[in-house]
């Protein structure tokens, strides 16, 4: 839908394989704690970087999406 065309067989296969990957921990959050706070329940929690989020960002930042032929 983003590219306004049907994906090729290779694109579809690669996309589905990528979307099956497990979520990754957001950069900079491995073992990180907020300095000076022990139990800050109001602080926003960093969500894992899901494959779907990464996939959508990749599609939206691609040349095929950004430039008209």
PDB file of N, CA and C in Angstrom:
ATOM      1  N   UNK A   1       0.821  -1.195   0.000  1.00  0.00           N
ATOM      2  CA  UNK A   1       0.000   0.000   0.000  1.00  0.00           C
ATOM      3  C   UNK A   1       0.866   1.261   0.000  1.00  0.00           C
ATOM      4  N   UNK A   2       1.989   1.210   0.684  1.00  0.00           N
ATOM      5  CA  UNK A   2       2.839   2.396   0.769  1.00  0.00           C
ATOM      6  C   UNK A   2       3.390   2.767  -0.603  1.00  0.00           C
ATOM      7  N   UNK A   3       3.801   1.768  -1.374  1.00  0.00           N
ATOM      8  CA  UNK A   3       4.383   2.035  -2.685  1.00  0.00           C
ATOM      9  C   UNK A   3       3.348   2.068  -3.799  1.00  0.00           C
ATOM     10  N   UNK A   4       2.096   1.817  -3.501  1.00  0.00           N
ATOM     11  CA  UNK A   4       1.021   1.822  -4.494  1.00  0.00           C
ATOM     12  C   UNK A   4       1.264   0.798  -5.609  1.00  0.00           C
ATOM     13  N   UNK A   5       1.779  -0.374  -5.203  1.00  0.00           N
ATOM     14  CA  UNK A   5       1.999  -1.467  -6.144  1.00  0.00           C
ATOM     15  C   UNK A   5       2.044  -2.771  -5.358  1.00  0.00           C
ATOM     16  N   UNK A   6       1.951  -3.876  -6.054  1.00  0.00           N
ATOM     17  CA  UNK A   6       2.065  -5.198  -5.437  1.00  0.00           C
ATOM     18  C   UNK A   6       3.551  -5.509  -5.219  1.00  0.00           C
ATOM     19  N   UNK A   7       3.916  -6.109  -4.092  1.00  0.00           N
ATOM     20  CA  UNK A   7       5.325  -6.468  -3.883  1.00  0.00           C
ATOM     21  C   UNK A   7       5.721  -7.655  -4.756  1.00  0.00           C
ATOM     22  N   UNK A   8       7.013  -7.702  -5.104  1.00  0.00           N
ATOM     23  CA  UNK A   8       7.503  -8.864  -5.837  1.00  0.00           C
ATOM     24  C   UNK A   8       7.536 -10.055  -4.875  1.00  0.00           C
ATOM     25  N   UNK A   9       7.707 -11.236  -5.415  1.00  0.00           N
ATOM     26  CA  UNK A   9       7.766 -12.433  -4.566  1.00  0.00           C
ATOM     27  C   UNK A   9       8.927 -12.351  -3.575  1.00  0.00           C
ATOM     28  N   UNK A  10      10.092 -11.868  -4.039  1.00  0.00           N
ATOM     29  CA  UNK A  10      11.256 -11.736  -3.156  1.00  0.00           C
ATOM     30  C   UNK A  10      11.015 -10.692  -2.063  1.00  0.00           C
ATOM     31  N   UNK A  11      10.384  -9.568  -2.423  1.00  0.00           N
ATOM     32  CA  UNK A  11      10.092  -8.536  -1.432  1.00  0.00           C
ATOM     33  C   UNK A  11       9.124  -9.053  -0.372  1.00  0.00           C
ATOM     34  N   UNK A  12       8.118  -9.766  -0.801  1.00  0.00           N
ATOM     35  CA  UNK A  12       7.127 -10.313   0.125  1.00  0.00           C
ATOM     36  C   UNK A  12       7.764 -11.339   1.060  1.00  0.00           C
ATOM     37  N   UNK A  13       8.582 -12.223   0.507  1.00  0.00           N
ATOM     38  CA  UNK A  13       9.246 -13.241   1.320  1.00  0.00           C
ATOM     39  C   UNK A  13      10.175 -12.604   2.352  1.00  0.00           C
ATOM     40  N   UNK A  14      11.000 -11.652   1.911  1.00  0.00           N
ATOM     41  CA  UNK A  14      11.922 -10.977   2.821  1.00  0.00           C
ATOM     42  C   UNK A  14      11.195 -10.179   3.898  1.00  0.00           C
ATOM     43  N   UNK A  15      10.107  -9.537   3.522  1.00  0.00           N
ATOM     44  CA  UNK A  15       9.326  -8.758   4.486  1.00  0.00           C
ATOM     45  C   UNK A  15       8.723  -9.649   5.552  1.00  0.00           C
ATOM     46  N   UNK A  16       8.147 -10.760   5.140  1.00  0.00           N
ATOM     47  CA  UNK A  16       7.532 -11.677   6.108  1.00  0.00           C
ATOM     48  C   UNK A  16       8.574 -12.296   7.032  1.00  0.00           C
ATOM     49  N   UNK A  17       9.739 -12.609   6.502  1.00  0.00           N
ATOM     50  CA  UNK A  17      10.819 -13.140   7.343  1.00  0.00           C
ATOM     51  C   UNK A  17      11.266 -12.095   8.364  1.00  0.00           C
ATOM     52  N   UNK A  18      11.390 -10.840   7.933  1.00  0.00           N
ATOM     53  CA  UNK A  18      11.810  -9.775   8.840  1.00  0.00           C
ATOM     54  C   UNK A  18      10.790  -9.559   9.950  1.00  0.00           C
ATOM     55  N   UNK A  19       9.522  -9.612   9.618  1.00  0.00           N
ATOM     56  CA  UNK A  19       8.467  -9.379  10.615  1.00  0.00           C
ATOM     57  C   UNK A  19       8.367 -10.501  11.636  1.00  0.00           C
ATOM     58  N   UNK A  20       8.958 -11.653  11.349  1.00  0.00           N
ATOM     59  CA  UNK A  20       8.946 -12.774  12.298  1.00  0.00           C
ATOM     60  C   UNK A  20      10.070 -12.671  13.329  1.00  0.00           C
ATOM     61  N   UNK A  21      10.998 -11.725  13.152  1.00  0.00           N
ATOM     62  CA  UNK A  21      12.100 -11.567  14.096  1.00  0.00           C
ATOM     63  C   UNK A  21      11.572 -11.120  15.455  1.00  0.00           C
ATOM     64  N   UNK A  22      12.273 -11.487  16.541  1.00  0.00           N
ATOM     65  CA  UNK A  22      11.825 -11.041  17.866  1.00  0.00           C
ATOM     66  C   UNK A  22      12.092  -9.544  18.057  1.00  0.00           C
ATOM     67  N   UNK A  23      11.335  -8.924  18.946  1.00  0.00           N
ATOM     68  CA  UNK A  23      11.535  -7.512  19.260  1.00  0.00           C
ATOM     69  C   UNK A  23      12.903  -7.325  19.902  1.00  0.00           C
ATOM     70  N   UNK A  24      13.521  -6.200  19.605  1.00  0.00           N
ATOM     71  CA  UNK A  24      14.847  -5.897  20.157  1.00  0.00           C
ATOM     72  C   UNK A  24      14.701  -4.827  21.232  1.00  0.00           C
ATOM     73  N   UNK A  25      15.600  -4.864  22.212  1.00  0.00           N
ATOM     74  CA  UNK A  25      15.594  -3.844  23.260  1.00  0.00           C
ATOM     75  C   UNK A  25      15.981  -2.511  22.646  1.00  0.00           C
ATOM     76  N   UNK A  26      15.296  -1.453  23.051  1.00  0.00           N
ATOM     77  CA  UNK A  26      15.583  -0.121  22.528  1.00  0.00           C
ATOM     78  C   UNK A  26      17.020   0.269  22.866  1.00  0.00           C
ATOM     79  N   UNK A  27      17.720   0.957  21.958  1.00  0.00           N
ATOM     80  CA  UNK A  27      19.111   1.356  22.206  1.00  0.00           C
ATOM     81  C   UNK A  27      19.227   2.219  23.461  1.00  0.00           C
ATOM     82  N   UNK A  28      20.259   1.954  24.257  1.00  0.00           N
ATOM     83  CA  UNK A  28      20.516   2.757  25.438  1.00  0.00           C
ATOM     84  C   UNK A  28      19.722   2.365  26.664  1.00  0.00           C
ATOM     85  N   UNK A  29      18.956   1.267  26.606  1.00  0.00           N
ATOM     86  CA  UNK A  29      18.142   0.883  27.763  1.00  0.00           C
ATOM     87  C   UNK A  29      18.654  -0.376  28.437  1.00  0.00           C
ATOM     88  N   UNK A  30      19.696  -0.985  27.943  1.00  0.00           N
ATOM     89  CA  UNK A  30      20.197  -2.228  28.528  1.00  0.00           C
ATOM     90  C   UNK A  30      20.775  -1.953  29.910  1.00  0.00           C
ATOM     91  N   UNK A  31      20.045  -2.361  30.931  1.00  0.00           N
ATOM     92  CA  UNK A  31      20.493  -2.200  32.304  1.00  0.00           C
ATOM     93  C   UNK A  31      20.511  -0.768  32.786  1.00  0.00           C
ATOM     94  N   UNK A  32      19.929   0.140  32.040  1.00  0.00           N
ATOM     95  CA  UNK A  32      19.938   1.548  32.419  1.00  0.00           C
ATOM     96  C   UNK A  32      18.899   1.817  33.499  1.00  0.00           C
ATOM     97  N   UNK A  33      19.283   2.653  34.448  1.00  0.00           N
ATOM     98  CA  UNK A  33      18.349   3.100  35.471  1.00  0.00           C
ATOM     99  C   UNK A  33      18.424   4.607  35.550  1.00  0.00           C
ATOM    100  N   UNK A  34      17.340   5.244  35.957  1.00  0.00           N
ATOM    101  CA  UNK A  34      17.320   6.689  36.100  1.00  0.00           C
ATOM    102  C   UNK A  34      18.090   7.088  37.349  1.00  0.00           C
ATOM    103  N   UNK A  35      19.003   8.022  37.209  1.00  0.00           N
ATOM    104  CA  UNK A  35      19.802   8.470  38.347  1.00  0.00           C
ATOM    105  C   UNK A  35      18.922   9.242  39.319  1.00  0.00           C
ATOM    106  N   UNK A  36      19.032   8.917  40.588  1.00  0.00           N
ATOM    107  CA  UNK A  36      18.322   9.643  41.615  1.00  0.00           C
ATOM    108  C   UNK A  36      16.902   9.172  41.869  1.00  0.00           C
ATOM    109  N   UNK A  37      16.395   8.226  41.126  1.00  0.00           N
ATOM    110  CA  UNK A  37      15.038   7.736  41.351  1.00  0.00           C
ATOM    111  C   UNK A  37      15.081   6.239  41.529  1.00  0.00           C
ATOM    112  N   UNK A  38      14.364   5.780  42.553  1.00  0.00           N
ATOM    113  CA  UNK A  38      14.322   4.347  42.803  1.00  0.00           C
ATOM    114  C   UNK A  38      13.032   3.727  42.290  1.00  0.00           C
ATOM    115  N   UNK A  39      11.912   4.423  42.518  1.00  0.00           N
ATOM    116  CA  UNK A  39      10.618   3.865  42.141  1.00  0.00           C
ATOM    117  C   UNK A  39       9.774   4.940  41.465  1.00  0.00           C
ATOM    118  N   UNK A  40      10.188   5.346  40.289  1.00  0.00           N
ATOM    119  CA  UNK A  40       9.476   6.397  39.567  1.00  0.00           C
ATOM    120  C   UNK A  40       8.472   5.761  38.616  1.00  0.00           C
ATOM    121  N   UNK A  41       7.258   5.568  39.087  1.00  0.00           N
ATOM    122  CA  UNK A  41       6.242   4.901  38.273  1.00  0.00           C
ATOM    123  C   UNK A  41       5.658   5.817  37.217  1.00  0.00           C
ATOM    124  N   UNK A  42       5.854   7.140  37.334  1.00  0.00           N
ATOM    125  CA  UNK A  42       5.316   8.082  36.358  1.00  0.00           C
ATOM    126  C   UNK A  42       6.227   8.263  35.146  1.00  0.00           C
ATOM    127  N   UNK A  43       7.452   7.769  35.236  1.00  0.00           N
ATOM    128  CA  UNK A  43       8.397   7.927  34.132  1.00  0.00           C
ATOM    129  C   UNK A  43       7.970   7.055  32.959  1.00  0.00           C
ATOM    130  N   UNK A  44       8.077   7.589  31.731  1.00  0.00           N
ATOM    131  CA  UNK A  44       7.708   6.772  30.566  1.00  0.00           C
ATOM    132  C   UNK A  44       8.647   5.586  30.409  1.00  0.00           C
ATOM    133  N   UNK A  45       8.091   4.464  30.056  1.00  0.00           N
ATOM    134  CA  UNK A  45       8.876   3.248  29.858  1.00  0.00           C
ATOM    135  C   UNK A  45       9.280   3.149  28.392  1.00  0.00           C
ATOM    136  N   UNK A  46      10.528   2.748  28.160  1.00  0.00           N
ATOM    137  CA  UNK A  46      10.989   2.538  26.781  1.00  0.00           C
ATOM    138  C   UNK A  46      10.459   1.203  26.292  1.00  0.00           C
ATOM    139  N   UNK A  47       9.784   1.227  25.180  1.00  0.00           N
ATOM    140  CA  UNK A  47       9.232   0.012  24.595  1.00  0.00           C
ATOM    141  C   UNK A  47      10.292  -0.672  23.739  1.00  0.00           C
ATOM    142  N   UNK A  48      10.216  -1.995  23.615  1.00  0.00           N
ATOM    143  CA  UNK A  48      11.140  -2.678  22.710  1.00  0.00           C
ATOM    144  C   UNK A  48      10.887  -2.233  21.270  1.00  0.00           C
ATOM    145  N   UNK A  49      11.933  -2.246  20.483  1.00  0.00           N
ATOM    146  CA  UNK A  49      11.824  -1.858  19.078  1.00  0.00           C
ATOM    147  C   UNK A  49      11.276  -3.047  18.306  1.00  0.00           C
ATOM    148  N   UNK A  50      10.022  -2.975  17.919  1.00  0.00           N
ATOM    149  CA  UNK A  50       9.374  -4.096  17.251  1.00  0.00           C
ATOM    150  C   UNK A  50       9.794  -4.160  15.783  1.00  0.00           C
ATOM    151  N   UNK A  51       9.795  -5.349  15.201  1.00  0.00           N
ATOM    152  CA  UNK A  51      10.113  -5.476  13.781  1.00  0.00           C
ATOM    153  C   UNK A  51       9.134  -4.691  12.903  1.00  0.00           C
ATOM    154  N   UNK A  52       7.863  -4.638  13.298  1.00  0.00           N
ATOM    155  CA  UNK A  52       6.879  -3.900  12.495  1.00  0.00           C
ATOM    156  C   UNK A  52       7.220  -2.421  12.460  1.00  0.00           C
ATOM    157  N   UNK A  53       7.578  -1.849  13.594  1.00  0.00           N
ATOM    158  CA  UNK A  53       7.939  -0.424  13.646  1.00  0.00           C
ATOM    159  C   UNK A  53       9.162  -0.163  12.767  1.00  0.00           C
ATOM    160  N   UNK A  54      10.176  -0.998  12.872  1.00  0.00           N
ATOM    161  CA  UNK A  54      11.378  -0.836  12.056  1.00  0.00           C
ATOM    162  C   UNK A  54      11.068  -0.988  10.574  1.00  0.00           C
ATOM    163  N   UNK A  55      10.211  -1.939  10.240  1.00  0.00           N
ATOM    164  CA  UNK A  55       9.836  -2.185   8.847  1.00  0.00           C
ATOM    165  C   UNK A  55       9.113  -0.971   8.254  1.00  0.00           C
ATOM    166  N   UNK A  56       8.163  -0.413   8.997  1.00  0.00           N
ATOM    167  CA  UNK A  56       7.418   0.756   8.510  1.00  0.00           C
ATOM    168  C   UNK A  56       8.351   1.949   8.330  1.00  0.00           C
ATOM    169  N   UNK A  57       9.253   2.187   9.290  1.00  0.00           N
ATOM    170  CA  UNK A  57      10.214   3.282   9.149  1.00  0.00           C
ATOM    171  C   UNK A  57      11.095   3.085   7.918  1.00  0.00           C
ATOM    172  N   UNK A  58      11.511   1.857   7.664  1.00  0.00           N
ATOM    173  CA  UNK A  58      12.348   1.580   6.489  1.00  0.00           C
ATOM    174  C   UNK A  58      11.581   1.875   5.197  1.00  0.00           C
ATOM    175  N   UNK A  59      10.318   1.474   5.140  1.00  0.00           N
ATOM    176  CA  UNK A  59       9.523   1.741   3.949  1.00  0.00           C
ATOM    177  C   UNK A  59       9.320   3.240   3.736  1.00  0.00           C
ATOM    178  N   UNK A  60       9.020   3.961   4.807  1.00  0.00           N
ATOM    179  CA  UNK A  60       8.750   5.391   4.693  1.00  0.00           C
ATOM    180  C   UNK A  60      10.000   6.215   4.399  1.00  0.00           C
ATOM    181  N   UNK A  61      11.181   5.674   4.666  1.00  0.00           N
ATOM    182  CA  UNK A  61      12.409   6.417   4.398  1.00  0.00           C
ATOM    183  C   UNK A  61      13.123   5.936   3.136  1.00  0.00           C
ATOM    184  N   UNK A  62      12.491   5.057   2.377  1.00  0.00           N
ATOM    185  CA  UNK A  62      13.113   4.529   1.162  1.00  0.00           C
ATOM    186  C   UNK A  62      13.001   5.519   0.002  1.00  0.00           C
ATOM    187  N   UNK A  63      13.905   5.399  -0.957  1.00  0.00           N
ATOM    188  CA  UNK A  63      13.861   6.252  -2.149  1.00  0.00           C
ATOM    189  C   UNK A  63      12.568   6.072  -2.924  1.00  0.00           C
ATOM    190  N   UNK A  64      12.075   4.861  -2.994  1.00  0.00           N
ATOM    191  CA  UNK A  64      10.855   4.606  -3.766  1.00  0.00           C
ATOM    192  C   UNK A  64       9.663   5.362  -3.181  1.00  0.00           C
ATOM    193  N   UNK A  65       9.643   5.550  -1.876  1.00  0.00           N
ATOM    194  CA  UNK A  65       8.553   6.300  -1.254  1.00  0.00           C
ATOM    195  C   UNK A  65       8.775   7.815  -1.352  1.00  0.00           C
ATOM    196  N   UNK A  66      10.022   8.250  -1.215  1.00  0.00           N
ATOM    197  CA  UNK A  66      10.307   9.679  -1.135  1.00  0.00           C
ATOM    198  C   UNK A  66      10.319  10.398  -2.473  1.00  0.00           C
ATOM    199  N   UNK A  67      10.649   9.712  -3.538  1.00  0.00           N
ATOM    200  CA  UNK A  67      10.802  10.376  -4.835  1.00  0.00           C
ATOM    201  C   UNK A  67       9.832   9.795  -5.868  1.00  0.00           C
ATOM    202  N   UNK A  68       9.275  10.678  -6.669  1.00  0.00           N
ATOM    203  CA  UNK A  68       8.371  10.279  -7.754  1.00  0.00           C
ATOM    204  C   UNK A  68       9.186  10.060  -9.008  1.00  0.00           C
ATOM    205  N   UNK A  69       8.945   8.935  -9.691  1.00  0.00           N
ATOM    206  CA  UNK A  69       9.644   8.677 -10.962  1.00  0.00           C
ATOM    207  C   UNK A  69       8.978   9.430 -12.090  1.00  0.00           C
TER     208      UNK A  69
END
